[in-house]
């Protein structure tokens, strides 16, 4: 059974896009029915996180320099970036725990 992706804040329904900044891992098996590999999904998620962080930085700079007309938008952008980073950190921790458990499993 394939679990469909869910939208988490600015990560969106399919977890963002990075482009060519990070080379795609050589994982070629499709992660789901869409033909997207796990490596591609991970690369896209990192790109989305980078984009969210860049938007928050820009909004904070505009707020600090007085260019922002609506401070709530700047605060919302910073909070979205914070939540996205917390989410990514939690996912990384879960993957680390799962990998450690897997490697320590005796067959």
C-alpha atoms as a PDB file:
ATOM      1  CA  UNK A   1       0.000   0.000   0.000  1.00  0.00           C
ATOM      2  CA  UNK A   2       1.382   3.399  -1.002  1.00  0.00           C
ATOM      3  CA  UNK A   3       0.747   6.288   1.346  1.00  0.00           C
ATOM      4  CA  UNK A   4       0.176   9.543  -0.589  1.00  0.00           C
ATOM      5  CA  UNK A   5       2.353  12.545   0.369  1.00  0.00           C
ATOM      6  CA  UNK A   6       0.806  15.192   2.578  1.00  0.00           C
ATOM      7  CA  UNK A   7       1.274  18.930   2.501  1.00  0.00           C
ATOM      8  CA  UNK A   8       3.205  20.360   5.433  1.00  0.00           C
ATOM      9  CA  UNK A   9       3.221  24.162   5.359  1.00  0.00           C
ATOM     10  CA  UNK A  10       5.337  25.516   2.541  1.00  0.00           C
ATOM     11  CA  UNK A  11       6.712  22.080   1.671  1.00  0.00           C
ATOM     12  CA  UNK A  12       3.533  21.505  -0.298  1.00  0.00           C
ATOM     13  CA  UNK A  13       1.915  18.306  -1.504  1.00  0.00           C
ATOM     14  CA  UNK A  14       4.988  16.836  -3.195  1.00  0.00           C
ATOM     15  CA  UNK A  15       7.812  18.384  -1.158  1.00  0.00           C
ATOM     16  CA  UNK A  16       9.358  21.200  -3.266  1.00  0.00           C
ATOM     17  CA  UNK A  17      12.205  21.380  -5.835  1.00  0.00           C
ATOM     18  CA  UNK A  18      15.952  22.059  -5.751  1.00  0.00           C
ATOM     19  CA  UNK A  19      17.200  22.082  -9.301  1.00  0.00           C
ATOM     20  CA  UNK A  20      20.850  21.279  -9.999  1.00  0.00           C
ATOM     21  CA  UNK A  21      22.598  22.575  -6.844  1.00  0.00           C
ATOM     22  CA  UNK A  22      22.881  19.111  -5.317  1.00  0.00           C
ATOM     23  CA  UNK A  23      23.596  16.087  -7.477  1.00  0.00           C
ATOM     24  CA  UNK A  24      20.831  13.521  -7.350  1.00  0.00           C
ATOM     25  CA  UNK A  25      21.750  10.274  -5.602  1.00  0.00           C
ATOM     26  CA  UNK A  26      21.895   7.235  -7.842  1.00  0.00           C
ATOM     27  CA  UNK A  27      18.791   5.626  -6.399  1.00  0.00           C
ATOM     28  CA  UNK A  28      16.641   4.632  -9.356  1.00  0.00           C
ATOM     29  CA  UNK A  29      13.793   2.548  -7.936  1.00  0.00           C
ATOM     30  CA  UNK A  30      10.520   4.480  -7.902  1.00  0.00           C
ATOM     31  CA  UNK A  31       9.444   5.515  -4.407  1.00  0.00           C
ATOM     32  CA  UNK A  32       5.777   5.598  -5.394  1.00  0.00           C
ATOM     33  CA  UNK A  33       3.488   5.257  -8.395  1.00  0.00           C
ATOM     34  CA  UNK A  34       4.584   8.601  -9.845  1.00  0.00           C
ATOM     35  CA  UNK A  35       7.996   7.277 -10.892  1.00  0.00           C
ATOM     36  CA  UNK A  36       9.880   9.620  -8.543  1.00  0.00           C
ATOM     37  CA  UNK A  37      12.822   7.955  -6.806  1.00  0.00           C
ATOM     38  CA  UNK A  38      13.608   8.332  -3.119  1.00  0.00           C
ATOM     39  CA  UNK A  39      16.738  10.301  -4.017  1.00  0.00           C
ATOM     40  CA  UNK A  40      14.690  12.731  -6.111  1.00  0.00           C
ATOM     41  CA  UNK A  41      12.155  13.171  -3.313  1.00  0.00           C
ATOM     42  CA  UNK A  42      14.938  13.844  -0.816  1.00  0.00           C
ATOM     43  CA  UNK A  43      16.616  16.330  -3.154  1.00  0.00           C
ATOM     44  CA  UNK A  44      13.300  18.105  -3.702  1.00  0.00           C
ATOM     45  CA  UNK A  45      12.631  18.267   0.039  1.00  0.00           C
ATOM     46  CA  UNK A  46      16.032  19.828   0.701  1.00  0.00           C
ATOM     47  CA  UNK A  47      15.422  22.346  -2.075  1.00  0.00           C
ATOM     48  CA  UNK A  48      12.061  23.270  -0.628  1.00  0.00           C
ATOM     49  CA  UNK A  49      13.646  23.762   2.784  1.00  0.00           C
ATOM     50  CA  UNK A  50      16.332  26.001   1.277  1.00  0.00           C
ATOM     51  CA  UNK A  51      13.669  28.029  -0.527  1.00  0.00           C
ATOM     52  CA  UNK A  52      11.638  28.452   2.668  1.00  0.00           C
ATOM     53  CA  UNK A  53      14.745  29.584   4.554  1.00  0.00           C
ATOM     54  CA  UNK A  54      15.626  32.080   1.796  1.00  0.00           C
ATOM     55  CA  UNK A  55      12.099  33.535   1.850  1.00  0.00           C
ATOM     56  CA  UNK A  56      12.285  33.920   5.636  1.00  0.00           C
ATOM     57  CA  UNK A  57      15.667  35.643   5.410  1.00  0.00           C
ATOM     58  CA  UNK A  58      14.375  38.065   2.791  1.00  0.00           C
ATOM     59  CA  UNK A  59      11.216  38.809   4.809  1.00  0.00           C
ATOM     60  CA  UNK A  60      13.241  39.386   7.995  1.00  0.00           C
ATOM     61  CA  UNK A  61      15.614  41.739   6.167  1.00  0.00           C
ATOM     62  CA  UNK A  62      12.691  43.688   4.709  1.00  0.00           C
ATOM     63  CA  UNK A  63      11.136  43.962   8.155  1.00  0.00           C
ATOM     64  CA  UNK A  64      14.421  45.133   9.689  1.00  0.00           C
ATOM     65  CA  UNK A  65      14.992  47.786   7.018  1.00  0.00           C
ATOM     66  CA  UNK A  66      11.404  49.046   7.087  1.00  0.00           C
ATOM     67  CA  UNK A  67      10.583  47.834   3.565  1.00  0.00           C
ATOM     68  CA  UNK A  68       7.922  45.367   4.723  1.00  0.00           C
ATOM     69  CA  UNK A  69       4.408  46.802   4.629  1.00  0.00           C
ATOM     70  CA  UNK A  70       2.829  43.950   6.591  1.00  0.00           C
ATOM     71  CA  UNK A  71       4.884  42.687   9.536  1.00  0.00           C
ATOM     72  CA  UNK A  72       2.610  39.664   9.997  1.00  0.00           C
ATOM     73  CA  UNK A  73       3.703  38.302   6.604  1.00  0.00           C
ATOM     74  CA  UNK A  74       7.349  38.552   7.654  1.00  0.00           C
ATOM     75  CA  UNK A  75       6.662  36.867  10.981  1.00  0.00           C
ATOM     76  CA  UNK A  76       4.644  34.153   9.235  1.00  0.00           C
ATOM     77  CA  UNK A  77       7.494  33.508   6.770  1.00  0.00           C
ATOM     78  CA  UNK A  78      10.007  33.183   9.618  1.00  0.00           C
ATOM     79  CA  UNK A  79       7.697  30.863  11.579  1.00  0.00           C
ATOM     80  CA  UNK A  80       7.081  28.715   8.473  1.00  0.00           C
ATOM     81  CA  UNK A  81      10.840  28.405   7.997  1.00  0.00           C
ATOM     82  CA  UNK A  82      11.275  27.480  11.650  1.00  0.00           C
ATOM     83  CA  UNK A  83       8.554  24.829  11.456  1.00  0.00           C
ATOM     84  CA  UNK A  84       9.974  23.434   8.212  1.00  0.00           C
ATOM     85  CA  UNK A  85      13.421  23.161   9.798  1.00  0.00           C
ATOM     86  CA  UNK A  86      11.954  21.469  12.887  1.00  0.00           C
ATOM     87  CA  UNK A  87      10.078  19.047  10.642  1.00  0.00           C
ATOM     88  CA  UNK A  88      13.202  18.254   8.593  1.00  0.00           C
ATOM     89  CA  UNK A  89      15.223  17.796  11.769  1.00  0.00           C
ATOM     90  CA  UNK A  90      12.615  15.402  13.146  1.00  0.00           C
ATOM     91  CA  UNK A  91      12.615  13.387   9.911  1.00  0.00           C
ATOM     92  CA  UNK A  92      16.424  13.232   9.975  1.00  0.00           C
ATOM     93  CA  UNK A  93      16.362  12.035  13.577  1.00  0.00           C
ATOM     94  CA  UNK A  94      13.811   9.345  12.737  1.00  0.00           C
ATOM     95  CA  UNK A  95      15.872   8.141   9.776  1.00  0.00           C
ATOM     96  CA  UNK A  96      19.005   8.103  11.929  1.00  0.00           C
ATOM     97  CA  UNK A  97      17.244   6.095  14.635  1.00  0.00           C
ATOM     98  CA  UNK A  98      15.836   3.654  12.086  1.00  0.00           C
ATOM     99  CA  UNK A  99      19.227   3.176  10.405  1.00  0.00           C
ATOM    100  CA  UNK A 100      20.953   2.638  13.753  1.00  0.00           C
ATOM    101  CA  UNK A 101      18.330   0.079  14.765  1.00  0.00           C
ATOM    102  CA  UNK A 102      18.646  -1.672  11.411  1.00  0.00           C
ATOM    103  CA  UNK A 103      22.432  -1.860  11.584  1.00  0.00           C
ATOM    104  CA  UNK A 104      22.348  -3.166  15.162  1.00  0.00           C
ATOM    105  CA  UNK A 105      19.823  -5.893  14.325  1.00  0.00           C
ATOM    106  CA  UNK A 106      21.395  -9.334  14.530  1.00  0.00           C
ATOM    107  CA  UNK A 107      20.262 -11.819  11.953  1.00  0.00           C
END
